[in-house]
Amino acid sequence: MGRHNFKKLKVWEEGMSLVDETYRLIDAFPRSEKFNLVSQLMRCSVSIPSNIAEGTSKTTDKHFNKYIEDSLGSAFEWETQLIIANRQGYIEKEKFKSLENKIQQLQKMISGFQGGLNK
């Protein structure tokens, strides 16, 4: 396996875009959520591209795959936090649907990238 340049990976770039979206999203959350849902959403979003980047430093696809798997787990965790925020009324329905679609597309991209590593 040759090492990947994580900054050139579309899946990493999409993960970074989700981080940007998350920062914008949490501005409207109640102050009481600062150490709860806001913190959780931030950690999940940052974890997605961070794990992809860290995985590119590994010398085998098997090791890289572990980091991609962790990234995918964080994407599903982020989606769950988004659903919670929606159920609590912190997000407008249209914004929720847009972000839900975005995270599901990112999950598919991560899964596809992972599938390529497993070949």
N, C-alpha and C. Protein backbone atom coordinates (compact mmCIF):
# COMPACT_ATOMS: atom_id res chain seq x y z
N MET A 1 0.84 -1.19 0.00
CA MET A 1 0.00 0.00 0.00
C MET A 1 0.88 1.24 0.00
N GLY A 2 0.59 2.16 -0.90
CA GLY A 2 1.23 3.47 -0.86
C GLY A 2 0.43 4.37 0.07
N ARG A 3 1.10 5.24 0.73
CA ARG A 3 0.40 6.15 1.63
C ARG A 3 -0.43 7.14 0.82
N HIS A 4 -1.59 7.46 1.37
CA HIS A 4 -2.48 8.43 0.74
C HIS A 4 -2.16 9.82 1.26
N ASN A 5 -2.38 10.82 0.44
CA ASN A 5 -2.35 12.21 0.90
C ASN A 5 -3.78 12.54 1.30
N PHE A 6 -4.04 12.58 2.59
CA PHE A 6 -5.42 12.73 3.05
C PHE A 6 -6.08 14.00 2.52
N LYS A 7 -5.30 15.06 2.28
CA LYS A 7 -5.89 16.31 1.80
C LYS A 7 -6.42 16.20 0.37
N LYS A 8 -6.03 15.13 -0.32
CA LYS A 8 -6.50 14.92 -1.69
C LYS A 8 -7.65 13.92 -1.76
N LEU A 9 -8.05 13.38 -0.62
CA LEU A 9 -9.14 12.41 -0.59
C LEU A 9 -10.49 13.12 -0.52
N LYS A 10 -11.37 12.80 -1.45
CA LYS A 10 -12.71 13.41 -1.47
C LYS A 10 -13.46 13.11 -0.17
N VAL A 11 -13.30 11.92 0.35
CA VAL A 11 -13.99 11.53 1.57
C VAL A 11 -13.51 12.39 2.76
N TRP A 12 -12.23 12.73 2.80
CA TRP A 12 -11.72 13.61 3.84
C TRP A 12 -12.29 15.02 3.68
N GLU A 13 -12.31 15.50 2.44
CA GLU A 13 -12.83 16.84 2.16
C GLU A 13 -14.31 16.95 2.56
N GLU A 14 -15.08 15.92 2.26
CA GLU A 14 -16.50 15.93 2.65
C GLU A 14 -16.65 15.90 4.17
N GLY A 15 -15.76 15.18 4.84
CA GLY A 15 -15.76 15.17 6.30
C GLY A 15 -15.47 16.55 6.86
N MET A 16 -14.52 17.25 6.25
CA MET A 16 -14.19 18.62 6.68
C MET A 16 -15.36 19.56 6.45
N SER A 17 -16.06 19.36 5.36
CA SER A 17 -17.25 20.16 5.08
C SER A 17 -18.32 19.96 6.17
N LEU A 18 -18.44 18.72 6.64
CA LEU A 18 -19.39 18.43 7.72
C LEU A 18 -18.98 19.14 9.02
N VAL A 19 -17.69 19.22 9.27
CA VAL A 19 -17.21 19.96 10.45
C VAL A 19 -17.65 21.42 10.34
N ASP A 20 -17.46 22.02 9.17
CA ASP A 20 -17.88 23.41 8.96
C ASP A 20 -19.37 23.58 9.20
N GLU A 21 -20.15 22.66 8.65
CA GLU A 21 -21.62 22.70 8.84
C GLU A 21 -21.98 22.58 10.32
N THR A 22 -21.26 21.75 11.03
CA THR A 22 -21.54 21.53 12.45
C THR A 22 -21.28 22.80 13.24
N TYR A 23 -20.18 23.47 12.97
CA TYR A 23 -19.89 24.73 13.66
C TYR A 23 -21.02 25.75 13.43
N ARG A 24 -21.51 25.83 12.21
CA ARG A 24 -22.61 26.76 11.93
C ARG A 24 -23.89 26.32 12.63
N LEU A 25 -24.14 25.04 12.64
CA LEU A 25 -25.37 24.50 13.21
C LEU A 25 -25.48 24.77 14.71
N ILE A 26 -24.41 24.56 15.43
CA ILE A 26 -24.49 24.63 16.90
C ILE A 26 -24.64 26.05 17.43
N ASP A 27 -24.39 27.05 16.59
CA ASP A 27 -24.57 28.43 17.03
C ASP A 27 -25.99 28.71 17.52
N ALA A 28 -26.95 28.02 16.96
CA ALA A 28 -28.35 28.27 17.30
C ALA A 28 -28.85 27.41 18.47
N PHE A 29 -28.03 26.52 18.98
CA PHE A 29 -28.47 25.63 20.06
C PHE A 29 -28.53 26.39 21.38
N PRO A 30 -29.38 25.94 22.28
CA PRO A 30 -29.46 26.60 23.59
C PRO A 30 -28.13 26.50 24.35
N ARG A 31 -27.87 27.49 25.13
CA ARG A 31 -26.64 27.53 25.93
C ARG A 31 -26.52 26.33 26.86
N SER A 32 -27.65 25.82 27.31
CA SER A 32 -27.65 24.68 28.23
C SER A 32 -27.09 23.41 27.59
N GLU A 33 -26.98 23.38 26.26
CA GLU A 33 -26.46 22.21 25.55
C GLU A 33 -24.96 22.29 25.29
N LYS A 34 -24.31 23.36 25.75
CA LYS A 34 -22.89 23.57 25.45
C LYS A 34 -22.02 22.37 25.80
N PHE A 35 -22.24 21.76 26.95
CA PHE A 35 -21.40 20.64 27.37
C PHE A 35 -22.07 19.29 27.13
N ASN A 36 -23.19 19.32 26.46
CA ASN A 36 -23.90 18.07 26.17
C ASN A 36 -23.92 17.83 24.66
N LEU A 37 -25.03 18.15 24.05
CA LEU A 37 -25.21 17.86 22.63
C LEU A 37 -24.23 18.62 21.74
N VAL A 38 -23.97 19.87 22.05
CA VAL A 38 -23.02 20.65 21.25
C VAL A 38 -21.65 20.00 21.27
N SER A 39 -21.20 19.65 22.45
CA SER A 39 -19.89 19.01 22.60
C SER A 39 -19.85 17.68 21.84
N GLN A 40 -20.90 16.91 21.96
CA GLN A 40 -20.95 15.61 21.30
C GLN A 40 -20.94 15.74 19.78
N LEU A 41 -21.73 16.67 19.26
CA LEU A 41 -21.75 16.90 17.81
C LEU A 41 -20.38 17.33 17.30
N MET A 42 -19.72 18.20 18.05
CA MET A 42 -18.40 18.67 17.63
C MET A 42 -17.40 17.52 17.62
N ARG A 43 -17.39 16.74 18.68
CA ARG A 43 -16.42 15.63 18.75
C ARG A 43 -16.66 14.63 17.63
N CYS A 44 -17.92 14.31 17.37
CA CYS A 44 -18.23 13.35 16.28
C CYS A 44 -17.77 13.89 14.94
N SER A 45 -18.11 15.15 14.66
CA SER A 45 -17.79 15.70 13.34
C SER A 45 -16.28 15.78 13.13
N VAL A 46 -15.56 16.23 14.13
CA VAL A 46 -14.11 16.36 14.03
C VAL A 46 -13.45 14.98 13.90
N SER A 47 -14.02 14.00 14.53
CA SER A 47 -13.48 12.65 14.50
C SER A 47 -13.52 12.03 13.09
N ILE A 48 -14.50 12.39 12.30
CA ILE A 48 -14.64 11.78 10.97
C ILE A 48 -13.41 12.05 10.09
N PRO A 49 -13.09 13.32 9.77
CA PRO A 49 -11.91 13.53 8.93
C PRO A 49 -10.60 13.27 9.67
N SER A 50 -10.60 13.43 10.99
CA SER A 50 -9.37 13.20 11.76
C SER A 50 -8.94 11.74 11.67
N ASN A 51 -9.88 10.83 11.78
CA ASN A 51 -9.55 9.40 11.68
C ASN A 51 -9.09 9.03 10.28
N ILE A 52 -9.70 9.64 9.28
CA ILE A 52 -9.27 9.39 7.91
C ILE A 52 -7.82 9.85 7.75
N ALA A 53 -7.54 11.05 8.22
CA ALA A 53 -6.17 11.58 8.12
C ALA A 53 -5.18 10.71 8.87
N GLU A 54 -5.53 10.33 10.09
CA GLU A 54 -4.62 9.50 10.87
C GLU A 54 -4.39 8.15 10.20
N GLY A 55 -5.43 7.60 9.62
CA GLY A 55 -5.31 6.31 8.94
C GLY A 55 -4.34 6.34 7.78
N THR A 56 -4.21 7.49 7.13
CA THR A 56 -3.30 7.57 5.98
C THR A 56 -1.84 7.40 6.39
N SER A 57 -1.55 7.54 7.67
CA SER A 57 -0.17 7.38 8.13
C SER A 57 0.20 5.91 8.35
N LYS A 58 -0.77 5.02 8.29
CA LYS A 58 -0.52 3.60 8.55
C LYS A 58 0.11 2.94 7.34
N THR A 59 0.89 1.92 7.60
CA THR A 59 1.67 1.30 6.52
C THR A 59 0.94 0.17 5.80
N THR A 60 -0.18 -0.30 6.34
CA THR A 60 -0.92 -1.35 5.66
C THR A 60 -2.39 -0.96 5.53
N ASP A 61 -3.03 -1.50 4.51
CA ASP A 61 -4.46 -1.26 4.34
C ASP A 61 -5.26 -1.79 5.52
N LYS A 62 -4.80 -2.88 6.12
CA LYS A 62 -5.49 -3.45 7.28
C LYS A 62 -5.54 -2.44 8.43
N HIS A 63 -4.42 -1.79 8.68
CA HIS A 63 -4.38 -0.79 9.75
C HIS A 63 -5.17 0.46 9.37
N PHE A 64 -5.05 0.87 8.12
CA PHE A 64 -5.79 2.04 7.64
C PHE A 64 -7.29 1.77 7.77
N ASN A 65 -7.71 0.56 7.46
CA ASN A 65 -9.11 0.19 7.52
C ASN A 65 -9.71 0.42 8.91
N LYS A 66 -8.93 0.17 9.95
CA LYS A 66 -9.42 0.38 11.33
C LYS A 66 -9.81 1.84 11.54
N TYR A 67 -9.01 2.75 11.03
CA TYR A 67 -9.31 4.17 11.17
C TYR A 67 -10.51 4.59 10.33
N ILE A 68 -10.64 4.00 9.16
CA ILE A 68 -11.81 4.27 8.32
C ILE A 68 -13.07 3.75 9.02
N GLU A 69 -12.96 2.60 9.64
CA GLU A 69 -14.09 2.04 10.41
C GLU A 69 -14.48 2.97 11.55
N ASP A 70 -13.49 3.51 12.26
CA ASP A 70 -13.77 4.46 13.34
C ASP A 70 -14.43 5.73 12.80
N SER A 71 -13.99 6.18 11.64
CA SER A 71 -14.58 7.35 11.01
C SER A 71 -16.05 7.09 10.67
N LEU A 72 -16.33 5.91 10.15
CA LEU A 72 -17.71 5.55 9.84
C LEU A 72 -18.56 5.50 11.10
N GLY A 73 -18.00 4.94 12.16
CA GLY A 73 -18.72 4.92 13.44
C GLY A 73 -19.06 6.31 13.92
N SER A 74 -18.13 7.24 13.77
CA SER A 74 -18.38 8.62 14.17
C SER A 74 -19.46 9.26 13.30
N ALA A 75 -19.51 8.88 12.03
CA ALA A 75 -20.55 9.41 11.14
C ALA A 75 -21.94 8.95 11.58
N PHE A 76 -22.04 7.70 12.00
CA PHE A 76 -23.33 7.21 12.50
C PHE A 76 -23.67 7.84 13.84
N GLU A 77 -22.66 8.07 14.65
CA GLU A 77 -22.89 8.75 15.93
C GLU A 77 -23.37 10.17 15.68
N TRP A 78 -22.76 10.87 14.72
CA TRP A 78 -23.16 12.23 14.39
C TRP A 78 -24.61 12.26 13.92
N GLU A 79 -24.98 11.29 13.10
CA GLU A 79 -26.36 11.23 12.62
C GLU A 79 -27.32 11.07 13.79
N THR A 80 -26.97 10.25 14.75
CA THR A 80 -27.82 10.06 15.93
C THR A 80 -27.95 11.36 16.71
N GLN A 81 -26.84 12.08 16.88
CA GLN A 81 -26.90 13.37 17.59
C GLN A 81 -27.77 14.36 16.83
N LEU A 82 -27.70 14.32 15.51
CA LEU A 82 -28.54 15.19 14.68
C LEU A 82 -30.02 14.86 14.90
N ILE A 83 -30.35 13.59 14.94
CA ILE A 83 -31.74 13.17 15.18
C ILE A 83 -32.21 13.66 16.55
N ILE A 84 -31.35 13.55 17.54
CA ILE A 84 -31.70 14.03 18.89
C ILE A 84 -31.97 15.53 18.85
N ALA A 85 -31.08 16.28 18.19
CA ALA A 85 -31.26 17.73 18.09
C ALA A 85 -32.57 18.07 17.39
N ASN A 86 -32.90 17.32 16.37
CA ASN A 86 -34.16 17.53 15.66
C ASN A 86 -35.35 17.23 16.57
N ARG A 87 -35.29 16.15 17.29
CA ARG A 87 -36.39 15.76 18.18
C ARG A 87 -36.59 16.77 19.31
N GLN A 88 -35.50 17.46 19.67
CA GLN A 88 -35.60 18.47 20.72
C GLN A 88 -36.01 19.84 20.17
N GLY A 89 -36.16 19.92 18.87
CA GLY A 89 -36.61 21.16 18.24
C GLY A 89 -35.51 22.20 18.05
N TYR A 90 -34.26 21.77 18.04
CA TYR A 90 -33.14 22.70 17.88
C TYR A 90 -32.82 22.99 16.42
N ILE A 91 -33.40 22.20 15.51
CA ILE A 91 -33.11 22.33 14.09
C ILE A 91 -34.43 22.41 13.32
N GLU A 92 -34.49 23.30 12.35
CA GLU A 92 -35.67 23.36 11.49
C GLU A 92 -35.70 22.11 10.61
N LYS A 93 -36.90 21.69 10.26
CA LYS A 93 -37.08 20.44 9.52
C LYS A 93 -36.29 20.42 8.21
N GLU A 94 -36.31 21.51 7.46
CA GLU A 94 -35.59 21.55 6.18
C GLU A 94 -34.09 21.39 6.39
N LYS A 95 -33.56 22.05 7.41
CA LYS A 95 -32.13 21.94 7.71
C LYS A 95 -31.79 20.52 8.14
N PHE A 96 -32.67 19.93 8.96
CA PHE A 96 -32.46 18.55 9.41
C PHE A 96 -32.39 17.61 8.21
N LYS A 97 -33.35 17.72 7.30
CA LYS A 97 -33.39 16.84 6.12
C LYS A 97 -32.13 17.01 5.27
N SER A 98 -31.69 18.25 5.09
CA SER A 98 -30.49 18.51 4.31
C SER A 98 -29.26 17.87 4.95
N LEU A 99 -29.11 18.05 6.25
CA LEU A 99 -27.96 17.48 6.96
C LEU A 99 -28.04 15.96 7.06
N GLU A 100 -29.25 15.45 7.20
CA GLU A 100 -29.43 14.00 7.24
C GLU A 100 -28.99 13.39 5.91
N ASN A 101 -29.37 14.02 4.82
CA ASN A 101 -28.96 13.55 3.50
C ASN A 101 -27.43 13.63 3.35
N LYS A 102 -26.86 14.72 3.82
CA LYS A 102 -25.41 14.90 3.71
C LYS A 102 -24.65 13.83 4.48
N ILE A 103 -25.08 13.53 5.70
CA ILE A 103 -24.36 12.53 6.50
C ILE A 103 -24.54 11.14 5.91
N GLN A 104 -25.71 10.87 5.37
CA GLN A 104 -25.93 9.55 4.77
C GLN A 104 -25.08 9.38 3.51
N GLN A 105 -24.90 10.45 2.75
CA GLN A 105 -24.02 10.39 1.58
C GLN A 105 -22.57 10.18 2.02
N LEU A 106 -22.17 10.85 3.09
CA LEU A 106 -20.82 10.69 3.59
C LEU A 106 -20.60 9.26 4.11
N GLN A 107 -21.59 8.71 4.76
CA GLN A 107 -21.49 7.32 5.23
C GLN A 107 -21.29 6.37 4.05
N LYS A 108 -21.98 6.61 2.97
CA LYS A 108 -21.82 5.78 1.77
C LYS A 108 -20.42 5.94 1.18
N MET A 109 -19.93 7.17 1.16
CA MET A 109 -18.58 7.42 0.64
C MET A 109 -17.53 6.70 1.48
N ILE A 110 -17.68 6.80 2.79
CA ILE A 110 -16.72 6.14 3.69
C ILE A 110 -16.77 4.63 3.49
N SER A 111 -17.98 4.09 3.42
CA SER A 111 -18.14 2.65 3.20
C SER A 111 -17.52 2.22 1.87
N GLY A 112 -17.74 3.02 0.84
CA GLY A 112 -17.16 2.71 -0.47
C GLY A 112 -15.64 2.75 -0.43
N PHE A 113 -15.10 3.75 0.25
CA PHE A 113 -13.65 3.87 0.38
C PHE A 113 -13.12 2.66 1.14
N GLN A 114 -13.82 2.28 2.18
CA GLN A 114 -13.42 1.12 2.97
C GLN A 114 -13.45 -0.14 2.11
N GLY A 115 -14.48 -0.26 1.30
CA GLY A 115 -14.56 -1.43 0.41
C GLY A 115 -13.38 -1.52 -0.53
N GLY A 116 -12.91 -0.37 -1.00
CA GLY A 116 -11.73 -0.35 -1.87
C GLY A 116 -10.46 -0.80 -1.15
N LEU A 117 -10.37 -0.50 0.14
CA LEU A 117 -9.21 -0.93 0.92
C LEU A 117 -9.23 -2.44 1.16
N ASN A 118 -10.44 -2.99 1.26
CA ASN A 118 -10.57 -4.42 1.59
C ASN A 118 -10.36 -5.33 0.40
N LYS A 119 -10.20 -4.78 -0.80
CA LYS A 119 -10.02 -5.62 -1.99
C LYS A 119 -8.61 -6.16 -2.06
